C-alpha atoms as a PDB file:
ATOM      1  CA  MET A   1      50.088 -11.673  78.313  1.00  0.00           C
ATOM      2  CA  GLN A   2      49.830 -10.354  74.743  1.00  0.00           C
ATOM      3  CA  PHE A   3      46.415 -12.020  74.374  1.00  0.00           C
ATOM      4  CA  LEU A   4      45.193 -10.396  77.578  1.00  0.00           C
ATOM      5  CA  TYR A   5      46.369  -6.949  76.463  1.00  0.00           C
ATOM      6  CA  ALA A   6      44.748  -7.414  73.054  1.00  0.00           C
ATOM      7  CA  PHE A   7      41.512  -8.524  74.697  1.00  0.00           C
ATOM      8  CA  LEU A   8      41.456  -5.603  77.124  1.00  0.00           C
ATOM      9  CA  VAL A   9      42.247  -2.909  74.559  1.00  0.00           C
ATOM     10  CA  GLY A  10      39.925  -4.359  71.914  1.00  0.00           C
ATOM     11  CA  GLY A  11      37.217  -4.841  74.523  1.00  0.00           C
ATOM     12  CA  ALA A  12      37.600  -1.256  75.729  1.00  0.00           C
ATOM     13  CA  THR A  13      37.232  -0.075  72.141  1.00  0.00           C
ATOM     14  CA  CYS A  14      34.023  -2.083  71.768  1.00  0.00           C
ATOM     15  CA  LEU A  15      32.770  -0.898  75.156  1.00  0.00           C
ATOM     16  CA  ILE A  16      33.182   2.740  74.160  1.00  0.00           C
ATOM     17  CA  GLY A  17      31.295   2.098  70.926  1.00  0.00           C
ATOM     18  CA  GLN A  18      28.466   0.320  72.749  1.00  0.00           C
ATOM     19  CA  VAL A  19      28.132   3.117  75.297  1.00  0.00           C
ATOM     20  CA  LEU A  20      27.987   5.654  72.458  1.00  0.00           C
ATOM     21  CA  ILE A  21      25.236   3.631  70.756  1.00  0.00           C
ATOM     22  CA  ASP A  22      23.233   3.215  73.972  1.00  0.00           C
ATOM     23  CA  LYS A  23      23.626   6.663  75.537  1.00  0.00           C
ATOM     24  CA  THR A  24      23.773   9.056  72.573  1.00  0.00           C
ATOM     25  CA  LYS A  25      21.760   9.708  69.454  1.00  0.00           C
ATOM     26  CA  LEU A  26      24.769   9.004  67.235  1.00  0.00           C
ATOM     27  CA  THR A  27      24.104   6.510  64.485  1.00  0.00           C
ATOM     28  CA  PRO A  28      26.364   3.470  64.188  1.00  0.00           C
ATOM     29  CA  ALA A  29      27.717   4.831  60.895  1.00  0.00           C
ATOM     30  CA  ARG A  30      28.826   8.051  62.587  1.00  0.00           C
ATOM     31  CA  ILE A  31      30.441   6.133  65.422  1.00  0.00           C
ATOM     32  CA  LEU A  32      32.345   3.904  62.986  1.00  0.00           C
ATOM     33  CA  THR A  33      33.482   6.948  61.017  1.00  0.00           C
ATOM     34  CA  GLY A  34      34.532   8.560  64.282  1.00  0.00           C
ATOM     35  CA  TYR A  35      36.693   5.547  65.079  1.00  0.00           C
ATOM     36  CA  VAL A  36      38.511   5.830  61.744  1.00  0.00           C
ATOM     37  CA  VAL A  37      39.047   9.567  62.204  1.00  0.00           C
ATOM     38  CA  ALA A  38      40.241   9.008  65.779  1.00  0.00           C
ATOM     39  CA  GLY A  39      42.747   6.438  64.506  1.00  0.00           C
ATOM     40  CA  VAL A  40      44.077   8.928  61.956  1.00  0.00           C
ATOM     41  CA  PHE A  41      44.291  11.688  64.562  1.00  0.00           C
ATOM     42  CA  LEU A  42      45.973   9.529  67.197  1.00  0.00           C
ATOM     43  CA  SER A  43      48.435   8.282  64.596  1.00  0.00           C
ATOM     44  CA  ALA A  44      49.194  11.840  63.473  1.00  0.00           C
ATOM     45  CA  ILE A  45      50.119  12.916  66.997  1.00  0.00           C
ATOM     46  CA  GLY A  46      52.159   9.753  67.571  1.00  0.00           C
ATOM     47  CA  VAL A  47      49.973   8.114  70.210  1.00  0.00           C
ATOM     48  CA  TYR A  48      48.477   5.180  68.309  1.00  0.00           C
ATOM     49  CA  GLN A  49      51.633   3.251  67.430  1.00  0.00           C
ATOM     50  CA  PRO A  50      52.618   2.706  71.092  1.00  0.00           C
ATOM     51  CA  ILE A  51      49.093   1.374  71.691  1.00  0.00           C
ATOM     52  CA  VAL A  52      49.518  -1.042  68.756  1.00  0.00           C
ATOM     53  CA  ASP A  53      52.913  -2.107  70.104  1.00  0.00           C
ATOM     54  CA  PHE A  54      51.319  -2.778  73.499  1.00  0.00           C
ATOM     55  CA  ALA A  55      48.055  -4.437  72.441  1.00  0.00           C
ATOM     56  CA  GLY A  56      48.832  -5.888  69.007  1.00  0.00           C
ATOM     57  CA  ALA A  57      45.671  -7.001  67.225  1.00  0.00           C
ATOM     58  CA  GLY A  58      43.528  -5.481  69.971  1.00  0.00           C
ATOM     59  CA  ALA A  59      44.465  -2.088  68.548  1.00  0.00           C
ATOM     60  CA  SER A  60      45.263  -2.845  64.904  1.00  0.00           C
ATOM     61  CA  VAL A  61      42.109  -4.789  63.985  1.00  0.00           C
ATOM     62  CA  PRO A  62      39.341  -2.305  64.987  1.00  0.00           C
ATOM     63  CA  LEU A  63      38.429   0.593  62.718  1.00  0.00           C
ATOM     64  CA  SER A  64      40.756   2.911  64.601  1.00  0.00           C
ATOM     65  CA  GLY A  65      43.539   0.603  63.416  1.00  0.00           C
ATOM     66  CA  PHE A  66      42.359   1.161  59.838  1.00  0.00           C
ATOM     67  CA  GLY A  67      42.648   4.904  60.427  1.00  0.00           C
ATOM     68  CA  ASN A  68      46.152   4.366  61.767  1.00  0.00           C
ATOM     69  CA  LEU A  69      47.044   2.316  58.685  1.00  0.00           C
ATOM     70  CA  MET A  70      45.735   5.055  56.399  1.00  0.00           C
ATOM     71  CA  ALA A  71      47.721   7.731  58.236  1.00  0.00           C
ATOM     72  CA  GLN A  72      50.906   5.677  57.993  1.00  0.00           C
ATOM     73  CA  GLY A  73      50.315   5.102  54.279  1.00  0.00           C
ATOM     74  CA  ILE A  74      49.804   8.802  53.652  1.00  0.00           C
ATOM     75  CA  ARG A  75      52.898   9.698  55.668  1.00  0.00           C
ATOM     76  CA  GLU A  76      55.079   7.256  53.698  1.00  0.00           C
ATOM     77  CA  ALA A  77      53.622   8.285  50.328  1.00  0.00           C
ATOM     78  CA  VAL A  78      54.124  11.991  51.037  1.00  0.00           C
ATOM     79  CA  ASP A  79      57.754  11.296  51.935  1.00  0.00           C
ATOM     80  CA  LYS A  80      58.273   9.450  48.625  1.00  0.00           C
ATOM     81  CA  GLU A  81      56.014  11.325  46.187  1.00  0.00           C
ATOM     82  CA  GLY A  82      55.246  14.687  47.745  1.00  0.00           C
ATOM     83  CA  ALA A  83      51.743  16.133  47.690  1.00  0.00           C
ATOM     84  CA  LEU A  84      50.452  13.427  45.332  1.00  0.00           C
ATOM     85  CA  GLY A  85      50.996  10.964  48.180  1.00  0.00           C
ATOM     86  CA  ILE A  86      48.122  12.577  50.075  1.00  0.00           C
ATOM     87  CA  LEU A  87      45.740  11.118  47.508  1.00  0.00           C
ATOM     88  CA  LYS A  88      47.462   7.781  46.909  1.00  0.00           C
ATOM     89  CA  GLY A  89      48.861   6.809  50.310  1.00  0.00           C
ATOM     90  CA  ALA A  90      45.708   5.782  52.159  1.00  0.00           C
ATOM     91  CA  LEU A  91      44.389   3.580  49.363  1.00  0.00           C
ATOM     92  CA  THR A  92      47.756   1.983  48.723  1.00  0.00           C
ATOM     93  CA  ALA A  93      48.242   1.124  52.396  1.00  0.00           C
ATOM     94  CA  GLY A  94      44.722  -0.198  52.851  1.00  0.00           C
ATOM     95  CA  SER A  95      44.331  -1.885  49.469  1.00  0.00           C
ATOM     96  CA  ALA A  96      44.628  -5.453  50.764  1.00  0.00           C
ATOM     97  CA  GLY A  97      41.946  -4.946  53.406  1.00  0.00           C
ATOM     98  CA  ILE A  98      39.651  -3.076  51.047  1.00  0.00           C
ATOM     99  CA  THR A  99      40.024  -5.775  48.387  1.00  0.00           C
ATOM    100  CA  ALA A 100      39.371  -8.535  50.925  1.00  0.00           C
ATOM    101  CA  ALA A 101      36.208  -6.777  52.114  1.00  0.00           C
ATOM    102  CA  ILE A 102      34.927  -6.467  48.545  1.00  0.00           C
ATOM    103  CA  VAL A 103      35.741 -10.076  47.610  1.00  0.00           C
ATOM    104  CA  PHE A 104      34.291 -11.577  50.803  1.00  0.00           C
ATOM    105  CA  SER A 105      31.151  -9.448  50.414  1.00  0.00           C
ATOM    106  CA  LEU A 106      30.749 -10.717  46.870  1.00  0.00           C
ATOM    107  CA  VAL A 107      31.197 -14.336  47.985  1.00  0.00           C
ATOM    108  CA  ALA A 108      28.710 -13.860  50.827  1.00  0.00           C
ATOM    109  CA  SER A 109      26.177 -12.362  48.412  1.00  0.00           C
ATOM    110  CA  LEU A 110      26.412 -15.453  46.219  1.00  0.00           C
ATOM    111  CA  PHE A 111      25.354 -17.706  49.105  1.00  0.00           C
ATOM    112  CA  SER A 112      22.603 -15.551  50.579  1.00  0.00           C
ATOM    113  CA  SER A 113      19.445 -13.889  49.373  1.00  0.00           C
ATOM    114  CA  SER A 114      17.654 -10.807  50.515  1.00  0.00           C
ATOM    115  CA  LYS A 115      14.332 -11.144  52.238  1.00  0.00           C
ATOM    116  CA  GLU A 116      11.385  -9.083  51.093  1.00  0.00           C
ATOM    117  CA  LYS A 117       9.536  -7.191  53.795  1.00  0.00           C
END
């Protein structure tokens, strides 16, 4: 059942994004940023973690899950380090994912070339 829940929640997240792309004048970059901000907001009010517990990767893998991860990192860092944690917490919590994105992008750039228009 966990796979079904992950599929349904992740699919609903993608569906909302696709509807926003098709029916509004929002750019994809604004929609993606909105997902991260929504993840932070939902985490701050305590709603996102129950969704992650229910759907697993269906909620933790999309960009809203990255926002949730950043909010958790900030919360933990503020508890340990005070106000300085506001600046350090998000990057510390998301450092593995950010590093992986940079490394995989570099590797992909080595095996591909840009096309001139």
